[in-house]
Amino acid sequence: MFESKYSKLLTVLLIIGIIVIIGVLIYLGITTIYNNNMIEDYEDAAAQFQNKVTNPVENEEENNIVTNSVAPELEVQNMVIEGNSSSQGNETYYQGHLVVGTIEIPETNLKSVILSEVNDKTIEIAVGVYDGVGLNQVGNTTIAGHNYRDGRFFANNKQLKEGDKIYITDNTGKKVTYSVYKTYITSPEDSTHLERDTQGKREITLVTCTDDTQSRLIVLAKEQ
């Protein structure tokens, strides 16, 4: 009798264990698909933005383009491109938020649009301008992005080292190469990286959380 009940208990526990494992695998699979589609979406947005601002004549008849993400588990994502904001009086939007440029970091395999501001909504879909004079302008511009620890946005900034390149394309089509010259970790209250004397040079600062979310990882880069 005891052995029979013990056997049934083990069977039930085994079934529960299998169900839990299957559930975890399904969750991980869905999460991976979501992340991959999200990366593909903002990379495509960056490519379209760059094409639009660097080839305005070729794209003159394509002032309104809407692309939708097809991943079933994602909310439909829209990107409306309406020309070059600086030269045509039109603006570029990604999921309803103003795009002011793109960022490429070969070392971390990042290519993303840069949104005009950082808030709870924008930080979930791209990186954004947090502070400063503006992209590719003389002075410092701070760009903030999430560390999702899954490869998105600034998750791999901890890999950056002195001499690594960062490419910023603004809404005039100008592409500037920046070279990393310092990285460090500081407290969330430290704002000294926001405003500093750049000696008449263009600089950018990348800001994200450390993996434990308790501190901030700062990357400083200046035009090459």
Protein backbone atom coordinates (compact mmCIF):
# COMPACT_ATOMS: atom_id res chain seq x y z
CA MET A 1 0.00 0.00 0.00
CA PHE A 2 2.72 2.44 1.04
CA GLU A 3 4.83 1.60 -2.01
CA SER A 4 1.82 2.12 -4.30
CA LYS A 5 1.10 5.56 -2.88
CA TYR A 6 4.81 6.47 -3.07
CA SER A 7 4.90 5.38 -6.69
CA LYS A 8 1.84 7.48 -7.52
CA LEU A 9 3.38 10.51 -5.79
CA LEU A 10 6.57 10.14 -7.80
CA THR A 11 4.52 9.88 -10.99
CA VAL A 12 2.60 13.06 -10.16
CA LEU A 13 5.82 14.92 -9.31
CA LEU A 14 7.39 13.71 -12.56
CA ILE A 15 4.41 14.92 -14.57
CA ILE A 16 4.51 18.30 -12.81
CA GLY A 17 8.24 18.54 -13.46
CA ILE A 18 7.77 17.80 -17.15
CA ILE A 19 5.00 20.42 -17.40
CA VAL A 20 7.21 23.02 -15.70
CA ILE A 21 10.13 22.24 -18.02
CA ILE A 22 7.91 22.49 -21.09
CA GLY A 23 6.49 25.77 -19.80
CA VAL A 24 9.97 27.20 -19.25
CA LEU A 25 11.09 26.10 -22.73
CA ILE A 26 8.02 27.70 -24.31
CA TYR A 27 8.62 30.91 -22.37
CA LEU A 28 12.28 31.02 -23.39
CA GLY A 29 11.33 30.32 -27.00
CA ILE A 30 8.76 33.10 -27.09
CA THR A 31 11.16 35.51 -25.38
CA THR A 32 13.90 34.71 -27.91
CA ILE A 33 11.53 35.24 -30.84
CA TYR A 34 10.35 38.52 -29.32
CA ASN A 35 13.87 39.81 -28.78
CA ASN A 36 15.06 38.75 -32.24
CA ASN A 37 12.10 40.40 -33.93
CA MET A 38 12.61 43.55 -31.88
CA ILE A 39 16.29 43.72 -32.85
CA GLU A 40 15.44 43.17 -36.51
CA ASP A 41 12.75 45.85 -36.31
CA TYR A 42 14.94 48.65 -34.92
CA GLU A 43 17.84 47.65 -37.18
CA ASP A 44 15.55 47.90 -40.21
CA ALA A 45 14.31 51.26 -38.93
CA ALA A 46 17.89 52.51 -38.68
CA ALA A 47 18.68 51.31 -42.20
CA GLN A 48 15.60 53.02 -43.63
CA PHE A 49 16.39 56.24 -41.79
CA GLN A 50 19.95 56.27 -43.10
CA ASN A 51 18.78 55.59 -46.62
CA LYS A 52 16.23 58.37 -46.36
CA VAL A 53 18.59 61.07 -45.12
CA THR A 54 21.57 60.12 -47.28
CA ASN A 55 19.61 59.65 -50.51
CA PRO A 56 16.89 62.33 -50.35
CA VAL A 57 16.56 62.68 -54.13
CA GLU A 58 16.11 58.95 -54.73
CA ASN A 59 13.52 58.80 -51.98
CA GLU A 60 11.63 61.97 -52.85
CA GLU A 61 8.60 60.00 -54.07
CA GLU A 62 8.63 57.75 -51.00
CA ASN A 63 7.80 60.34 -48.36
CA ASN A 64 5.37 58.05 -46.56
CA ILE A 65 6.45 54.49 -45.76
CA VAL A 66 4.80 52.30 -43.16
CA THR A 67 6.35 49.00 -42.11
CA ASN A 68 4.70 46.54 -39.74
CA SER A 69 6.32 43.85 -37.62
CA VAL A 70 4.79 40.46 -38.44
CA ALA A 71 5.70 38.62 -35.24
CA PRO A 72 2.33 37.37 -33.85
CA GLU A 73 3.34 37.82 -30.22
CA LEU A 74 4.31 41.44 -30.72
CA GLU A 75 2.15 44.49 -30.76
CA VAL A 76 2.05 45.80 -34.32
CA GLN A 77 4.99 48.15 -34.74
CA ASN A 78 4.81 51.09 -37.12
CA MET A 79 7.54 53.23 -38.55
CA VAL A 80 6.50 56.24 -40.59
CA ILE A 81 9.20 57.94 -42.63
CA GLU A 82 8.22 61.35 -43.92
CA GLY A 83 11.40 62.73 -45.38
CA ASN A 84 14.37 64.66 -44.02
CA SER A 85 13.41 66.82 -41.05
CA SER A 86 16.17 69.35 -41.64
CA SER A 87 15.92 69.92 -45.37
CA GLN A 88 12.32 69.09 -46.20
CA GLY A 89 10.46 70.30 -43.13
CA ASN A 90 9.28 66.74 -42.45
CA GLU A 91 10.17 64.39 -39.63
CA THR A 92 10.89 60.71 -39.14
CA TYR A 93 9.03 58.63 -36.57
CA TYR A 94 9.58 55.17 -35.15
CA GLN A 95 6.58 53.69 -33.34
CA GLY A 96 5.22 57.21 -32.92
CA HIS A 97 8.42 58.75 -31.53
CA LEU A 98 10.66 61.29 -33.27
CA VAL A 99 13.89 59.89 -34.74
CA VAL A 100 16.90 62.22 -34.80
CA GLY A 101 19.60 59.81 -35.97
CA THR A 102 21.15 56.37 -35.81
CA ILE A 103 23.96 54.77 -33.83
CA GLU A 104 26.25 51.94 -34.94
CA ILE A 105 28.73 50.17 -32.67
CA PRO A 106 30.50 47.36 -34.57
CA GLU A 107 32.16 46.05 -31.40
CA THR A 108 28.78 45.24 -29.81
CA ASN A 109 26.93 44.58 -33.08
CA LEU A 110 24.48 47.42 -32.41
CA LYS A 111 22.61 49.37 -35.04
CA SER A 112 19.63 51.36 -33.83
CA VAL A 113 17.64 54.52 -34.36
CA ILE A 114 18.17 57.31 -31.83
CA LEU A 115 14.98 58.92 -30.54
CA SER A 116 14.72 62.58 -29.60
CA GLU A 117 14.04 61.96 -25.91
CA VAL A 118 14.30 59.41 -23.13
CA ASN A 119 11.22 58.41 -21.16
CA ASP A 120 9.53 55.24 -19.91
CA LYS A 121 8.12 54.44 -23.37
CA THR A 122 11.01 55.37 -25.65
CA ILE A 123 13.61 53.57 -23.56
CA GLU A 124 11.81 50.28 -24.19
CA ILE A 125 12.04 50.46 -28.00
CA ALA A 126 15.33 52.27 -28.77
CA VAL A 127 18.06 54.48 -27.38
CA GLY A 128 17.48 58.21 -27.03
CA VAL A 129 19.06 61.61 -26.53
CA TYR A 130 19.12 62.26 -22.79
CA ASP A 131 21.02 65.56 -22.67
CA GLY A 132 23.34 67.80 -24.65
CA VAL A 133 23.81 69.97 -27.71
CA GLY A 134 22.41 67.54 -30.27
CA LEU A 135 23.78 64.80 -32.48
CA ASN A 136 27.05 65.61 -34.26
CA GLN A 137 27.15 69.12 -32.85
CA VAL A 138 30.21 70.64 -31.19
CA GLY A 139 30.01 69.81 -27.49
CA ASN A 140 28.74 66.77 -25.65
CA THR A 141 25.55 64.81 -26.31
CA THR A 142 24.45 62.06 -23.93
CA ILE A 143 22.62 59.03 -25.30
CA ALA A 144 20.88 56.68 -22.87
CA GLY A 145 19.81 53.10 -23.46
CA HIS A 146 18.61 50.09 -21.52
CA ASN A 147 20.82 47.20 -20.48
CA TYR A 148 18.45 44.28 -21.01
CA ARG A 149 21.34 41.79 -20.61
CA ASP A 150 20.11 39.95 -23.71
CA GLY A 151 22.09 41.82 -26.35
CA ARG A 152 19.63 44.64 -27.02
CA PHE A 153 20.59 48.30 -26.99
CA PHE A 154 23.46 49.04 -24.56
CA ALA A 155 23.57 45.57 -22.96
CA ASN A 156 27.11 44.95 -24.27
CA ASN A 157 28.59 48.38 -23.59
CA LYS A 158 30.73 46.79 -20.89
CA GLN A 159 32.73 45.22 -23.73
CA LEU A 160 33.76 48.61 -25.13
CA LYS A 161 37.35 49.67 -24.68
CA GLU A 162 39.58 52.56 -25.65
CA GLY A 163 39.80 52.99 -29.40
CA ASP A 164 36.51 51.26 -30.28
CA LYS A 165 34.46 53.12 -32.87
CA ILE A 166 30.94 54.51 -32.62
CA TYR A 167 29.20 55.92 -35.70
CA ILE A 168 26.45 58.52 -35.41
CA THR A 169 24.32 59.57 -38.39
CA ASP A 170 22.13 62.63 -37.83
CA ASN A 171 19.00 63.79 -39.65
CA THR A 172 21.03 65.77 -42.18
CA GLY A 173 22.70 62.57 -43.36
CA LYS A 174 26.04 63.48 -41.79
CA LYS A 175 27.92 60.51 -40.34
CA VAL A 176 30.60 61.15 -37.70
CA THR A 177 33.04 58.59 -36.33
CA TYR A 178 33.67 58.72 -32.58
CA SER A 179 36.41 56.88 -30.73
CA VAL A 180 35.99 55.60 -27.17
CA TYR A 181 38.55 57.09 -24.82
CA LYS A 182 37.17 56.26 -21.36
CA THR A 183 34.71 53.94 -19.63
CA TYR A 184 33.83 53.88 -15.95
CA ILE A 185 31.14 52.98 -13.43
CA THR A 186 29.51 55.57 -11.22
CA SER A 187 26.47 56.13 -9.03
CA PRO A 188 23.03 57.00 -10.43
CA GLU A 189 23.31 60.41 -8.73
CA ASP A 190 26.52 61.37 -10.55
CA SER A 191 25.80 63.79 -13.41
CA THR A 192 29.30 65.08 -14.10
CA HIS A 193 29.37 63.26 -17.43
CA LEU A 194 26.51 65.34 -18.81
CA GLU A 195 28.21 68.69 -19.19
CA ARG A 196 31.94 69.06 -19.71
CA ASP A 197 34.42 71.08 -21.73
CA THR A 198 35.06 69.23 -24.99
CA GLN A 199 37.70 71.70 -26.21
CA GLY A 200 35.70 72.56 -29.31
CA LYS A 201 35.26 68.92 -30.29
CA ARG A 202 32.22 66.75 -30.85
CA GLU A 203 31.74 64.17 -28.13
CA ILE A 204 29.11 61.62 -27.14
CA THR A 205 28.42 59.93 -23.84
CA LEU A 206 26.65 56.57 -23.63
CA VAL A 207 24.82 55.82 -20.39
CA THR A 208 23.29 52.57 -19.23
CA CYS A 209 22.79 50.54 -16.07
CA THR A 210 25.24 47.96 -14.83
CA ASP A 211 24.05 44.34 -14.85
CA ASP A 212 22.94 44.60 -11.22
CA THR A 213 21.07 47.89 -11.99
CA GLN A 214 22.68 49.52 -8.94
CA SER A 215 25.20 51.71 -10.81
CA ARG A 216 25.70 53.44 -14.15
CA LEU A 217 28.15 52.46 -16.87
CA ILE A 218 29.50 55.53 -18.68
CA VAL A 219 31.25 55.44 -22.06
CA LEU A 220 32.96 58.60 -23.32
CA ALA A 221 33.87 59.00 -27.00
CA LYS A 222 35.15 61.89 -29.12
CA GLU A 223 35.19 62.57 -32.82
CA GLN A 224 38.07 60.96 -34.59
